[in-house]
Amino acid sequence: MNKFKEHILIVDDDDGIRSLVQQYLKDNNFLVTTANSAEDAKRKTDIIKFDLIVLDIMMPGKSGLDFTKENKKKINTPIILLTAKGEASERVEGLEIGADDYLPKPFEPKELILRIKNILQKTTNLNQKRVIEFGLVKIDLNKLLILNNSKEYKINNTEKTILERMINSPGQIYSRDEIADIIGLGKERSIDVIITRLRKKIEENPKNPRYLQTVRGEGYVLWIE
């Protein structure tokens, strides 16, 4: 079963382009919502927090530039502008008022996917937590250290990769297979060993964990209070 990735809003008054982009993004496991005007997009961004917006410049009523100028700071969401060839001045204006990228029409859907992934990765890197404190524990991924009640523990790159994912999605359950994929390890039982090692560095009582818990039949979860 495919898991949806980020939620993308496509805004274009052209039914054909909207349908094409929507299908291509769905084929790449993105969750997709569409809007046929800037006004329609505004209504949807008022109630839904999107991860990225693909926005046509030339539309009846308010243009994509109008939407970007009025809403970019409010919604704080990356925007890719779709522009017609020869609209160099509008592309420059779009970038000046906050758009993150632009793509001239006609375009290859594969190129749009690459641009979306590039922006989302940059956004993820900027938003990721690198230092976090809970209880008597402080995890510093920059220094590869865990401080637990005045004791200091070093963490290796494998442990750092797991913690990085869990810290930035607290409460999400990760199966052994998912953790193995994250760290590029194929042996399921080795995951238990790594988790046990992490618990010794995080937990006051590793045999009765408070934070890094096992969810029977599902996997592991980090509960940060």
N, C-alpha and C. Protein backbone atom coordinates (compact mmCIF):
# COMPACT_ATOMS: atom_id res chain seq x y z
N MET A 1 0.85 -1.20 0.00
CA MET A 1 0.00 0.00 0.00
C MET A 1 0.88 1.25 0.00
N ASN A 2 0.68 2.14 -0.97
CA ASN A 2 1.48 3.36 -1.06
C ASN A 2 1.09 4.35 0.01
N LYS A 3 2.08 5.01 0.58
CA LYS A 3 1.81 6.07 1.54
C LYS A 3 1.96 7.40 0.84
N PHE A 4 1.00 8.30 1.06
CA PHE A 4 1.11 9.62 0.46
C PHE A 4 2.26 10.38 1.07
N LYS A 5 2.91 11.17 0.22
CA LYS A 5 3.97 12.05 0.68
C LYS A 5 3.32 13.39 1.06
N GLU A 6 3.92 14.48 0.60
CA GLU A 6 3.42 15.80 0.97
C GLU A 6 2.14 16.15 0.20
N HIS A 7 1.44 17.17 0.71
CA HIS A 7 0.17 17.62 0.14
C HIS A 7 0.43 18.83 -0.76
N ILE A 8 0.12 18.71 -2.04
CA ILE A 8 0.40 19.74 -3.03
C ILE A 8 -0.91 20.35 -3.52
N LEU A 9 -0.94 21.69 -3.63
CA LEU A 9 -2.08 22.39 -4.23
C LEU A 9 -1.69 22.84 -5.65
N ILE A 10 -2.50 22.44 -6.64
CA ILE A 10 -2.28 22.87 -8.02
C ILE A 10 -3.32 23.93 -8.36
N VAL A 11 -2.85 25.10 -8.81
CA VAL A 11 -3.76 26.21 -9.13
C VAL A 11 -3.57 26.60 -10.60
N ASP A 12 -4.57 26.30 -11.42
CA ASP A 12 -4.49 26.62 -12.85
C ASP A 12 -5.90 26.63 -13.42
N ASP A 13 -6.21 27.63 -14.25
CA ASP A 13 -7.55 27.69 -14.84
C ASP A 13 -7.70 26.76 -16.05
N ASP A 14 -6.58 26.19 -16.51
CA ASP A 14 -6.60 25.26 -17.65
C ASP A 14 -6.89 23.85 -17.14
N ASP A 15 -8.08 23.32 -17.49
CA ASP A 15 -8.48 22.00 -17.00
C ASP A 15 -7.50 20.91 -17.41
N GLY A 16 -6.98 21.01 -18.64
CA GLY A 16 -6.07 19.99 -19.14
C GLY A 16 -4.77 19.94 -18.37
N ILE A 17 -4.17 21.11 -18.14
CA ILE A 17 -2.90 21.17 -17.39
C ILE A 17 -3.13 20.73 -15.95
N ARG A 18 -4.23 21.18 -15.38
CA ARG A 18 -4.53 20.82 -14.00
C ARG A 18 -4.67 19.30 -13.84
N SER A 19 -5.38 18.68 -14.76
CA SER A 19 -5.57 17.22 -14.70
C SER A 19 -4.28 16.47 -14.93
N LEU A 20 -3.47 16.95 -15.88
CA LEU A 20 -2.20 16.30 -16.17
C LEU A 20 -1.28 16.34 -14.97
N VAL A 21 -1.12 17.51 -14.37
CA VAL A 21 -0.23 17.66 -13.22
C VAL A 21 -0.77 16.85 -12.04
N GLN A 22 -2.07 16.91 -11.84
CA GLN A 22 -2.68 16.17 -10.74
C GLN A 22 -2.40 14.67 -10.85
N GLN A 23 -2.60 14.11 -12.04
CA GLN A 23 -2.38 12.68 -12.22
C GLN A 23 -0.91 12.31 -12.03
N TYR A 24 -0.03 13.16 -12.57
CA TYR A 24 1.40 12.85 -12.47
C TYR A 24 1.87 12.90 -11.02
N LEU A 25 1.38 13.86 -10.26
CA LEU A 25 1.75 13.95 -8.85
C LEU A 25 1.18 12.78 -8.06
N LYS A 26 -0.05 12.38 -8.38
CA LYS A 26 -0.64 11.23 -7.71
C LYS A 26 0.16 9.96 -8.01
N ASP A 27 0.62 9.83 -9.25
CA ASP A 27 1.43 8.67 -9.63
C ASP A 27 2.73 8.62 -8.85
N ASN A 28 3.17 9.78 -8.36
CA ASN A 28 4.39 9.86 -7.55
C ASN A 28 4.07 9.92 -6.06
N ASN A 29 2.84 9.49 -5.72
CA ASN A 29 2.41 9.33 -4.31
C ASN A 29 2.22 10.62 -3.54
N PHE A 30 2.06 11.74 -4.24
CA PHE A 30 1.73 12.97 -3.55
C PHE A 30 0.22 13.06 -3.34
N LEU A 31 -0.18 13.66 -2.23
CA LEU A 31 -1.58 13.98 -2.01
C LEU A 31 -1.86 15.30 -2.73
N VAL A 32 -2.92 15.35 -3.55
CA VAL A 32 -3.13 16.50 -4.42
C VAL A 32 -4.52 17.10 -4.24
N THR A 33 -4.55 18.44 -4.16
CA THR A 33 -5.79 19.20 -4.21
C THR A 33 -5.65 20.20 -5.35
N THR A 34 -6.74 20.51 -6.03
CA THR A 34 -6.67 21.46 -7.15
C THR A 34 -7.56 22.67 -6.90
N ALA A 35 -7.22 23.77 -7.58
CA ALA A 35 -8.02 24.99 -7.56
C ALA A 35 -7.97 25.58 -8.96
N ASN A 36 -9.08 26.19 -9.41
CA ASN A 36 -9.12 26.71 -10.78
C ASN A 36 -8.94 28.22 -10.86
N SER A 37 -8.65 28.86 -9.71
CA SER A 37 -8.44 30.31 -9.70
C SER A 37 -7.70 30.69 -8.42
N ALA A 38 -7.19 31.93 -8.40
CA ALA A 38 -6.53 32.42 -7.20
C ALA A 38 -7.52 32.51 -6.04
N GLU A 39 -8.75 32.89 -6.37
CA GLU A 39 -9.77 33.00 -5.32
C GLU A 39 -10.09 31.64 -4.72
N ASP A 40 -10.18 30.62 -5.58
CA ASP A 40 -10.43 29.25 -5.12
C ASP A 40 -9.25 28.77 -4.27
N ALA A 41 -8.04 29.10 -4.68
CA ALA A 41 -6.84 28.72 -3.92
C ALA A 41 -6.85 29.36 -2.54
N LYS A 42 -7.27 30.62 -2.48
CA LYS A 42 -7.31 31.32 -1.19
C LYS A 42 -8.27 30.63 -0.23
N ARG A 43 -9.44 30.22 -0.74
CA ARG A 43 -10.40 29.53 0.12
C ARG A 43 -9.82 28.23 0.67
N LYS A 44 -9.06 27.54 -0.16
CA LYS A 44 -8.51 26.25 0.28
C LYS A 44 -7.32 26.41 1.21
N THR A 45 -6.50 27.42 0.97
CA THR A 45 -5.35 27.63 1.87
C THR A 45 -5.79 28.18 3.22
N ASP A 46 -7.00 28.73 3.28
CA ASP A 46 -7.53 29.21 4.56
C ASP A 46 -7.87 28.06 5.51
N ILE A 47 -8.13 26.87 4.94
CA ILE A 47 -8.54 25.75 5.79
C ILE A 47 -7.58 24.57 5.74
N ILE A 48 -6.65 24.56 4.79
CA ILE A 48 -5.70 23.45 4.66
C ILE A 48 -4.28 23.99 4.63
N LYS A 49 -3.39 23.33 5.37
CA LYS A 49 -1.97 23.69 5.32
C LYS A 49 -1.29 22.79 4.30
N PHE A 50 -0.93 23.37 3.15
CA PHE A 50 -0.27 22.61 2.09
C PHE A 50 1.25 22.65 2.27
N ASP A 51 1.91 21.64 1.69
CA ASP A 51 3.37 21.60 1.75
C ASP A 51 4.00 22.38 0.61
N LEU A 52 3.26 22.54 -0.49
CA LEU A 52 3.78 23.29 -1.64
C LEU A 52 2.61 23.64 -2.56
N ILE A 53 2.74 24.77 -3.27
CA ILE A 53 1.71 25.20 -4.22
C ILE A 53 2.34 25.34 -5.61
N VAL A 54 1.70 24.73 -6.61
CA VAL A 54 2.07 24.92 -8.02
C VAL A 54 1.05 25.89 -8.59
N LEU A 55 1.50 27.07 -9.00
CA LEU A 55 0.59 28.19 -9.25
C LEU A 55 0.82 28.82 -10.62
N ASP A 56 -0.23 28.84 -11.45
CA ASP A 56 -0.15 29.50 -12.75
C ASP A 56 -0.20 31.02 -12.56
N ILE A 57 0.56 31.76 -13.36
CA ILE A 57 0.55 33.22 -13.26
C ILE A 57 -0.69 33.81 -13.93
N MET A 58 -0.92 33.40 -15.19
CA MET A 58 -1.99 34.02 -15.97
C MET A 58 -3.31 33.29 -15.75
N MET A 59 -4.21 33.91 -14.97
CA MET A 59 -5.54 33.35 -14.72
C MET A 59 -6.55 34.48 -14.71
N PRO A 60 -7.80 34.19 -15.08
CA PRO A 60 -8.86 35.22 -14.98
C PRO A 60 -9.01 35.69 -13.53
N GLY A 61 -9.40 36.94 -13.36
CA GLY A 61 -9.51 37.46 -12.00
C GLY A 61 -8.12 37.78 -11.47
N LYS A 62 -7.85 37.38 -10.25
CA LYS A 62 -6.52 37.63 -9.68
C LYS A 62 -5.49 36.70 -10.32
N SER A 63 -4.32 37.26 -10.57
CA SER A 63 -3.25 36.46 -11.17
C SER A 63 -2.50 35.69 -10.10
N GLY A 64 -1.62 34.79 -10.54
CA GLY A 64 -0.76 34.07 -9.61
C GLY A 64 0.15 35.00 -8.85
N LEU A 65 0.56 36.09 -9.51
CA LEU A 65 1.40 37.08 -8.83
C LEU A 65 0.63 37.77 -7.72
N ASP A 66 -0.64 38.10 -7.99
CA ASP A 66 -1.48 38.72 -6.97
C ASP A 66 -1.60 37.79 -5.75
N PHE A 67 -1.86 36.51 -6.04
CA PHE A 67 -2.02 35.54 -4.95
C PHE A 67 -0.73 35.45 -4.12
N THR A 68 0.41 35.37 -4.80
CA THR A 68 1.69 35.26 -4.11
C THR A 68 1.95 36.48 -3.24
N LYS A 69 1.72 37.66 -3.80
CA LYS A 69 1.98 38.91 -3.08
C LYS A 69 1.10 39.02 -1.83
N GLU A 70 -0.15 38.61 -1.95
CA GLU A 70 -1.11 38.78 -0.85
C GLU A 70 -1.02 37.69 0.22
N ASN A 71 -0.53 36.50 -0.18
CA ASN A 71 -0.67 35.36 0.73
C ASN A 71 0.61 34.65 1.13
N LYS A 72 1.71 34.91 0.45
CA LYS A 72 2.94 34.15 0.71
C LYS A 72 3.34 34.17 2.18
N LYS A 73 3.36 35.36 2.79
CA LYS A 73 3.79 35.46 4.18
C LYS A 73 2.78 34.83 5.14
N LYS A 74 1.51 34.93 4.79
CA LYS A 74 0.46 34.38 5.65
C LYS A 74 0.51 32.86 5.69
N ILE A 75 0.64 32.24 4.52
CA ILE A 75 0.57 30.78 4.46
C ILE A 75 1.92 30.12 4.66
N ASN A 76 3.00 30.88 4.43
CA ASN A 76 4.36 30.36 4.63
C ASN A 76 4.55 29.00 3.96
N THR A 77 4.17 28.94 2.68
CA THR A 77 4.25 27.69 1.91
C THR A 77 5.06 27.93 0.64
N PRO A 78 5.96 27.03 0.27
CA PRO A 78 6.72 27.19 -0.97
C PRO A 78 5.80 27.26 -2.19
N ILE A 79 6.16 28.11 -3.16
CA ILE A 79 5.35 28.30 -4.36
C ILE A 79 6.23 28.14 -5.60
N ILE A 80 5.75 27.32 -6.55
CA ILE A 80 6.37 27.22 -7.87
C ILE A 80 5.41 27.88 -8.86
N LEU A 81 5.88 28.87 -9.58
CA LEU A 81 5.05 29.56 -10.57
C LEU A 81 5.16 28.88 -11.93
N LEU A 82 4.02 28.73 -12.60
CA LEU A 82 3.99 28.26 -13.98
C LEU A 82 3.81 29.49 -14.86
N THR A 83 4.74 29.68 -15.79
CA THR A 83 4.73 30.91 -16.60
C THR A 83 4.76 30.57 -18.08
N ALA A 84 4.22 31.48 -18.90
CA ALA A 84 4.31 31.34 -20.35
C ALA A 84 5.67 31.84 -20.81
N LYS A 85 6.14 31.30 -21.91
CA LYS A 85 7.42 31.76 -22.45
C LYS A 85 7.33 33.25 -22.77
N GLY A 86 8.41 33.98 -22.54
CA GLY A 86 8.43 35.40 -22.83
C GLY A 86 7.98 36.25 -21.67
N GLU A 87 7.63 35.64 -20.55
CA GLU A 87 7.19 36.40 -19.38
C GLU A 87 8.34 36.62 -18.39
N ALA A 88 9.50 36.97 -18.91
CA ALA A 88 10.68 37.09 -18.06
C ALA A 88 10.47 38.09 -16.93
N SER A 89 9.84 39.22 -17.24
CA SER A 89 9.65 40.25 -16.21
C SER A 89 8.75 39.74 -15.10
N GLU A 90 7.73 38.96 -15.46
CA GLU A 90 6.82 38.43 -14.45
C GLU A 90 7.49 37.35 -13.61
N ARG A 91 8.38 36.59 -14.24
CA ARG A 91 9.12 35.58 -13.47
C ARG A 91 9.99 36.25 -12.43
N VAL A 92 10.68 37.31 -12.84
CA VAL A 92 11.53 38.05 -11.90
C VAL A 92 10.69 38.64 -10.78
N GLU A 93 9.55 39.24 -11.14
CA GLU A 93 8.68 39.82 -10.13
C GLU A 93 8.20 38.74 -9.16
N GLY A 94 7.86 37.57 -9.68
CA GLY A 94 7.40 36.48 -8.84
C GLY A 94 8.43 36.06 -7.82
N LEU A 95 9.68 35.98 -8.24
CA LEU A 95 10.76 35.61 -7.32
C LEU A 95 10.99 36.72 -6.29
N GLU A 96 10.85 37.96 -6.74
CA GLU A 96 11.07 39.09 -5.83
C GLU A 96 10.01 39.15 -4.73
N ILE A 97 8.78 38.72 -5.04
CA ILE A 97 7.72 38.82 -4.04
C ILE A 97 7.54 37.53 -3.23
N GLY A 98 8.43 36.56 -3.46
CA GLY A 98 8.42 35.40 -2.56
C GLY A 98 8.26 34.03 -3.17
N ALA A 99 8.03 33.93 -4.49
CA ALA A 99 7.96 32.60 -5.11
C ALA A 99 9.32 31.90 -4.98
N ASP A 100 9.29 30.59 -4.88
CA ASP A 100 10.53 29.84 -4.66
C ASP A 100 11.16 29.34 -5.95
N ASP A 101 10.36 29.21 -7.01
CA ASP A 101 10.87 28.74 -8.28
C ASP A 101 9.84 29.03 -9.35
N TYR A 102 10.22 28.88 -10.62
CA TYR A 102 9.26 29.03 -11.70
C TYR A 102 9.58 28.00 -12.78
N LEU A 103 8.57 27.66 -13.57
CA LEU A 103 8.74 26.69 -14.65
C LEU A 103 7.96 27.18 -15.85
N PRO A 104 8.65 27.46 -16.97
CA PRO A 104 7.95 27.95 -18.17
C PRO A 104 7.10 26.85 -18.80
N LYS A 105 5.94 27.23 -19.32
CA LYS A 105 5.11 26.32 -20.11
C LYS A 105 5.56 26.37 -21.57
N PRO A 106 5.43 25.25 -22.30
CA PRO A 106 5.09 23.91 -21.82
C PRO A 106 6.27 23.30 -21.07
N PHE A 107 5.99 22.37 -20.17
CA PHE A 107 7.05 21.77 -19.37
C PHE A 107 6.88 20.26 -19.32
N GLU A 108 7.97 19.59 -19.00
CA GLU A 108 7.94 18.14 -18.81
C GLU A 108 7.50 17.85 -17.38
N PRO A 109 6.50 17.01 -17.18
CA PRO A 109 6.07 16.68 -15.82
C PRO A 109 7.21 16.19 -14.93
N LYS A 110 8.15 15.47 -15.51
CA LYS A 110 9.29 14.96 -14.73
C LYS A 110 10.11 16.11 -14.15
N GLU A 111 10.25 17.19 -14.93
CA GLU A 111 11.00 18.34 -14.43
C GLU A 111 10.27 19.00 -13.27
N LEU A 112 8.95 19.07 -13.36
CA LEU A 112 8.17 19.64 -12.26
C LEU A 112 8.36 18.81 -11.00
N ILE A 113 8.32 17.50 -11.13
CA ILE A 113 8.51 16.62 -9.97
C ILE A 113 9.88 16.86 -9.34
N LEU A 114 10.91 16.98 -10.16
CA LEU A 114 12.26 17.21 -9.64
C LEU A 114 12.34 18.54 -8.90
N ARG A 115 11.70 19.57 -9.44
CA ARG A 115 11.72 20.88 -8.78
C ARG A 115 10.94 20.84 -7.46
N ILE A 116 9.81 20.14 -7.46
CA ILE A 116 9.04 19.99 -6.23
C ILE A 116 9.86 19.28 -5.17
N LYS A 117 10.48 18.18 -5.53
CA LYS A 117 11.27 17.41 -4.56
C LYS A 117 12.45 18.22 -4.03
N ASN A 118 13.07 19.01 -4.91
CA ASN A 118 14.21 19.82 -4.51
C ASN A 118 13.79 20.86 -3.47
N ILE A 119 12.68 21.54 -3.72
CA ILE A 119 12.20 22.56 -2.78
C ILE A 119 11.76 21.93 -1.47
N LEU A 120 11.04 20.82 -1.54
CA LEU A 120 10.57 20.16 -0.32
C LEU A 120 11.75 19.67 0.53
N GLN A 121 12.80 19.20 -0.12
CA GLN A 121 13.97 18.74 0.62
C GLN A 121 14.65 19.90 1.33
N LYS A 122 14.76 21.04 0.64
CA LYS A 122 15.35 22.22 1.26
C LYS A 122 14.50 22.68 2.45
N THR A 123 13.18 22.66 2.27
CA THR A 123 12.28 23.06 3.35
C THR A 123 12.41 22.13 4.54
N THR A 124 12.48 20.83 4.27
CA THR A 124 12.64 19.84 5.34
C THR A 124 13.92 20.07 6.10
N ASN A 125 15.01 20.31 5.37
CA ASN A 125 16.31 20.53 6.03
C ASN A 125 16.28 21.77 6.92
N LEU A 126 15.59 22.82 6.46
CA LEU A 126 15.52 24.05 7.24
C LEU A 126 14.68 23.87 8.50
N ASN A 127 13.63 23.04 8.37
CA ASN A 127 12.68 22.90 9.48
C ASN A 127 13.04 21.82 10.48
N GLN A 128 14.00 20.97 10.14
CA GLN A 128 14.32 19.86 11.02
C GLN A 128 14.92 20.33 12.34
N LYS A 129 14.45 19.71 13.39
CA LYS A 129 15.03 19.98 14.71
C LYS A 129 16.35 19.25 14.83
N ARG A 130 17.34 19.93 15.35
CA ARG A 130 18.67 19.32 15.52
C ARG A 130 19.02 19.15 16.99
N VAL A 131 18.39 19.95 17.85
CA VAL A 131 18.63 19.87 19.29
C VAL A 131 17.27 19.84 19.98
N ILE A 132 17.08 18.89 20.87
CA ILE A 132 15.80 18.79 21.56
C ILE A 132 16.01 18.34 23.00
N GLU A 133 15.19 18.85 23.90
CA GLU A 133 15.27 18.49 25.31
C GLU A 133 13.91 17.99 25.78
N PHE A 134 13.91 16.92 26.56
CA PHE A 134 12.69 16.41 27.18
C PHE A 134 13.10 15.67 28.46
N GLY A 135 12.34 15.94 29.52
CA GLY A 135 12.73 15.37 30.82
C GLY A 135 14.13 15.82 31.19
N LEU A 136 14.98 14.88 31.53
CA LEU A 136 16.38 15.18 31.86
C LEU A 136 17.31 14.90 30.68
N VAL A 137 16.70 14.72 29.52
CA VAL A 137 17.47 14.32 28.34
C VAL A 137 17.63 15.49 27.36
N LYS A 138 18.83 15.62 26.84
CA LYS A 138 19.09 16.57 25.76
C LYS A 138 19.79 15.82 24.64
N ILE A 139 19.18 15.85 23.44
CA ILE A 139 19.79 15.22 22.27
C ILE A 139 20.29 16.32 21.35
N ASP A 140 21.57 16.28 21.04
CA ASP A 140 22.20 17.27 20.16
C ASP A 140 22.75 16.53 18.94
N LEU A 141 21.99 16.58 17.84
CA LEU A 141 22.40 15.86 16.63
C LEU A 141 23.58 16.53 15.95
N ASN A 142 23.76 17.83 16.19
CA ASN A 142 24.91 18.53 15.60
C ASN A 142 26.22 18.03 16.19
N LYS A 143 26.21 17.79 17.51
CA LYS A 143 27.42 17.34 18.20
C LYS A 143 27.48 15.82 18.36
N LEU A 144 26.41 15.12 17.90
CA LEU A 144 26.33 13.67 18.04
C LEU A 144 26.44 13.24 19.50
N LEU A 145 25.66 13.94 20.34
CA LEU A 145 25.72 13.68 21.78
C LEU A 145 24.32 13.56 22.37
N ILE A 146 24.22 12.71 23.41
CA ILE A 146 23.04 12.66 24.26
C ILE A 146 23.49 12.94 25.68
N LEU A 147 22.87 13.95 26.30
CA LEU A 147 23.12 14.26 27.70
C LEU A 147 21.92 13.77 28.50
N ASN A 148 22.18 12.90 29.44
CA ASN A 148 21.09 12.32 30.22
C ASN A 148 21.46 12.38 31.70
N ASN A 149 20.82 13.33 32.41
CA ASN A 149 21.03 13.45 33.86
C ASN A 149 22.51 13.54 34.20
N SER A 150 23.20 14.46 33.53
CA SER A 150 24.64 14.76 33.71
C SER A 150 25.57 13.73 33.08
N LYS A 151 25.05 12.64 32.53
CA LYS A 151 25.89 11.67 31.82
C LYS A 151 25.89 11.99 30.34
N GLU A 152 27.04 11.82 29.72
CA GLU A 152 27.19 12.17 28.30
C GLU A 152 27.45 10.90 27.48
N TYR A 153 26.68 10.73 26.41
CA TYR A 153 26.84 9.58 25.54
C TYR A 153 27.04 10.04 24.10
N LYS A 154 27.98 9.42 23.42
CA LYS A 154 28.16 9.69 22.00
C LYS A 154 27.19 8.83 21.20
N ILE A 155 26.73 9.36 20.06
CA ILE A 155 25.89 8.57 19.17
C ILE A 155 26.57 8.46 17.81
N ASN A 156 26.41 7.30 17.17
CA ASN A 156 27.01 7.12 15.85
C ASN A 156 26.05 7.58 14.76
N ASN A 157 26.48 7.49 13.52
CA ASN A 157 25.67 8.01 12.42
C ASN A 157 24.36 7.24 12.24
N THR A 158 24.40 5.93 12.52
CA THR A 158 23.18 5.13 12.42
C THR A 158 22.15 5.59 13.45
N GLU A 159 22.60 5.75 14.69
CA GLU A 159 21.71 6.22 15.76
C GLU A 159 21.20 7.63 15.45
N LYS A 160 22.09 8.47 14.94
CA LYS A 160 21.70 9.84 14.59
C LYS A 160 20.61 9.86 13.53
N THR A 161 20.73 9.00 12.52
CA THR A 161 19.74 8.96 11.45
C THR A 161 18.37 8.56 11.97
N ILE A 162 18.33 7.57 12.85
CA ILE A 162 17.06 7.13 13.44
C ILE A 162 16.47 8.24 14.31
N LEU A 163 17.30 8.83 15.17
CA LEU A 163 16.80 9.89 16.06
C LEU A 163 16.33 11.11 15.27
N GLU A 164 17.04 11.43 14.21
CA GLU A 164 16.67 12.58 13.38
C GLU A 164 15.26 12.42 12.84
N ARG A 165 14.95 11.21 12.37
CA ARG A 165 13.62 10.95 11.83
C ARG A 165 12.56 10.97 12.94
N MET A 166 12.87 10.33 14.06
CA MET A 166 11.88 10.24 15.14
C MET A 166 11.65 11.58 15.85
N ILE A 167 12.70 12.35 16.02
CA ILE A 167 12.58 13.65 16.68
C ILE A 167 11.67 14.58 15.88
N ASN A 168 11.75 14.47 14.56
CA ASN A 168 10.97 15.35 13.70
C ASN A 168 9.59 14.81 13.36
N SER A 169 9.25 13.65 13.93
CA SER A 169 7.89 13.12 13.78
C SER A 169 7.51 12.36 15.05
N PRO A 170 7.54 13.07 16.21
CA PRO A 170 7.22 12.41 17.48
C PRO A 170 5.82 11.82 17.48
N GLY A 171 5.71 10.62 18.03
CA GLY A 171 4.41 9.95 18.07
C GLY A 171 4.14 9.08 16.86
N GLN A 172 5.00 9.16 15.84
CA GLN A 172 4.82 8.30 14.65
C GLN A 172 5.49 6.96 14.90
N ILE A 173 4.77 5.89 14.60
CA ILE A 173 5.30 4.55 14.80
C ILE A 173 6.09 4.13 13.57
N TYR A 174 7.30 3.61 13.81
CA TYR A 174 8.15 3.11 12.73
C TYR A 174 8.32 1.61 12.89
N SER A 175 7.98 0.86 11.85
CA SER A 175 8.19 -0.58 11.88
C SER A 175 9.67 -0.88 11.75
N ARG A 176 10.04 -2.11 12.05
CA ARG A 176 11.45 -2.51 11.89
C ARG A 176 11.89 -2.36 10.44
N ASP A 177 10.99 -2.72 9.51
CA ASP A 177 11.33 -2.61 8.09
C ASP A 177 11.57 -1.15 7.69
N GLU A 178 10.73 -0.24 8.21
CA GLU A 178 10.89 1.18 7.88
C GLU A 178 12.21 1.72 8.44
N ILE A 179 12.55 1.33 9.66
CA ILE A 179 13.81 1.78 10.24
C ILE A 179 14.98 1.21 9.44
N ALA A 180 14.85 -0.05 9.04
CA ALA A 180 15.91 -0.67 8.23
C ALA A 180 16.11 0.09 6.93
N ASP A 181 15.01 0.54 6.31
CA ASP A 181 15.11 1.32 5.07
C ASP A 181 15.77 2.67 5.32
N ILE A 182 15.42 3.30 6.44
CA ILE A 182 15.96 4.62 6.78
C ILE A 182 17.48 4.58 6.91
N ILE A 183 17.98 3.52 7.53
CA ILE A 183 19.43 3.44 7.78
C ILE A 183 20.16 2.55 6.79
N GLY A 184 19.40 1.97 5.84
CA GLY A 184 20.02 1.13 4.82
C GLY A 184 20.52 -0.19 5.35
N LEU A 185 19.75 -0.80 6.24
CA LEU A 185 20.14 -2.06 6.86
C LEU A 185 19.07 -3.11 6.58
N GLY A 186 19.50 -4.32 6.22
CA GLY A 186 18.54 -5.33 5.84
C GLY A 186 18.16 -6.31 6.92
N LYS A 187 18.93 -6.39 8.00
CA LYS A 187 18.67 -7.41 9.01
C LYS A 187 17.74 -6.88 10.08
N GLU A 188 16.53 -7.43 10.13
CA GLU A 188 15.51 -6.92 11.03
C GLU A 188 15.92 -7.01 12.49
N ARG A 189 16.54 -8.11 12.90
CA ARG A 189 16.88 -8.27 14.31
C ARG A 189 17.92 -7.24 14.76
N SER A 190 18.74 -6.77 13.83
CA SER A 190 19.75 -5.76 14.19
C SER A 190 19.09 -4.47 14.65
N ILE A 191 17.87 -4.19 14.19
CA ILE A 191 17.15 -2.98 14.61
C ILE A 191 16.90 -3.02 16.11
N ASP A 192 16.52 -4.20 16.63
CA ASP A 192 16.28 -4.33 18.07
C ASP A 192 17.54 -4.00 18.87
N VAL A 193 18.68 -4.43 18.36
CA VAL A 193 19.95 -4.16 19.04
C VAL A 193 20.23 -2.66 19.08
N ILE A 194 19.99 -1.98 17.96
CA ILE A 194 20.24 -0.53 17.90
C ILE A 194 19.30 0.22 18.83
N ILE A 195 18.03 -0.18 18.85
CA ILE A 195 17.05 0.47 19.74
C ILE A 195 17.42 0.25 21.20
N THR A 196 17.85 -0.97 21.53
CA THR A 196 18.27 -1.26 22.91
C THR A 196 19.44 -0.38 23.31
N ARG A 197 20.37 -0.18 22.37
CA ARG A 197 21.54 0.67 22.64
C ARG A 197 21.13 2.13 22.86
N LEU A 198 20.17 2.58 22.06
CA LEU A 198 19.68 3.96 22.21
C LEU A 198 18.96 4.14 23.55
N ARG A 199 18.20 3.14 23.94
CA ARG A 199 17.48 3.24 25.21
C ARG A 199 18.44 3.38 26.39
N LYS A 200 19.58 2.73 26.32
CA LYS A 200 20.56 2.83 27.40
C LYS A 200 21.09 4.25 27.53
N LYS A 201 21.01 5.01 26.44
CA LYS A 201 21.51 6.39 26.45
C LYS A 201 20.40 7.40 26.77
N ILE A 202 19.16 7.02 26.51
CA ILE A 202 18.04 7.95 26.68
C ILE A 202 17.25 7.71 27.96
N GLU A 203 17.02 6.45 28.27
CA GLU A 203 16.09 6.09 29.33
C GLU A 203 16.74 6.00 30.71
N GLU A 204 15.97 6.38 31.74
CA GLU A 204 16.42 6.16 33.11
C GLU A 204 16.39 4.67 33.44
N ASN A 205 15.38 3.99 32.93
CA ASN A 205 15.28 2.54 33.09
C ASN A 205 15.06 1.93 31.71
N PRO A 206 16.11 1.51 31.01
CA PRO A 206 15.98 1.01 29.63
C PRO A 206 15.04 -0.18 29.50
N LYS A 207 14.89 -0.97 30.57
CA LYS A 207 14.01 -2.14 30.49
C LYS A 207 12.53 -1.75 30.62
N ASN A 208 12.27 -0.55 31.08
CA ASN A 208 10.91 -0.03 31.17
C ASN A 208 10.90 1.38 30.57
N PRO A 209 11.06 1.48 29.25
CA PRO A 209 11.26 2.78 28.60
C PRO A 209 10.07 3.72 28.72
N ARG A 210 10.40 4.98 28.94
CA ARG A 210 9.37 6.02 29.04
C ARG A 210 9.20 6.76 27.72
N TYR A 211 10.30 6.91 26.97
CA TYR A 211 10.28 7.72 25.76
C TYR A 211 10.32 6.87 24.47
N LEU A 212 11.34 6.03 24.36
CA LEU A 212 11.51 5.22 23.15
C LEU A 212 10.83 3.87 23.38
N GLN A 213 9.55 3.81 23.02
CA GLN A 213 8.71 2.68 23.39
C GLN A 213 8.48 1.71 22.24
N THR A 214 8.14 0.48 22.61
CA THR A 214 7.74 -0.54 21.64
C THR A 214 6.22 -0.56 21.53
N VAL A 215 5.72 -0.56 20.31
CA VAL A 215 4.29 -0.74 20.08
C VAL A 215 4.12 -2.17 19.56
N ARG A 216 3.54 -3.02 20.39
CA ARG A 216 3.49 -4.45 20.07
C ARG A 216 2.87 -4.70 18.69
N GLY A 217 3.61 -5.45 17.89
CA GLY A 217 3.13 -5.83 16.56
C GLY A 217 3.29 -4.75 15.50
N GLU A 218 3.78 -3.57 15.90
CA GLU A 218 3.89 -2.47 14.93
C GLU A 218 5.30 -1.92 14.79
N GLY A 219 5.99 -1.70 15.90
CA GLY A 219 7.34 -1.15 15.80
C GLY A 219 7.71 -0.28 16.98
N TYR A 220 8.37 0.83 16.72
CA TYR A 220 8.88 1.70 17.76
C TYR A 220 8.37 3.12 17.57
N VAL A 221 8.27 3.83 18.71
CA VAL A 221 7.79 5.21 18.66
C VAL A 221 8.53 6.02 19.71
N LEU A 222 8.79 7.29 19.39
CA LEU A 222 9.41 8.19 20.37
C LEU A 222 8.34 9.13 20.90
N TRP A 223 8.05 9.01 22.19
CA TRP A 223 7.09 9.89 22.86
C TRP A 223 7.85 10.98 23.60
N ILE A 224 7.70 12.21 23.16
CA ILE A 224 8.38 13.34 23.79
C ILE A 224 7.35 14.14 24.56
N GLU A 225 7.50 14.21 25.85
CA GLU A 225 6.52 14.90 26.69
C GLU A 225 6.85 16.39 26.80
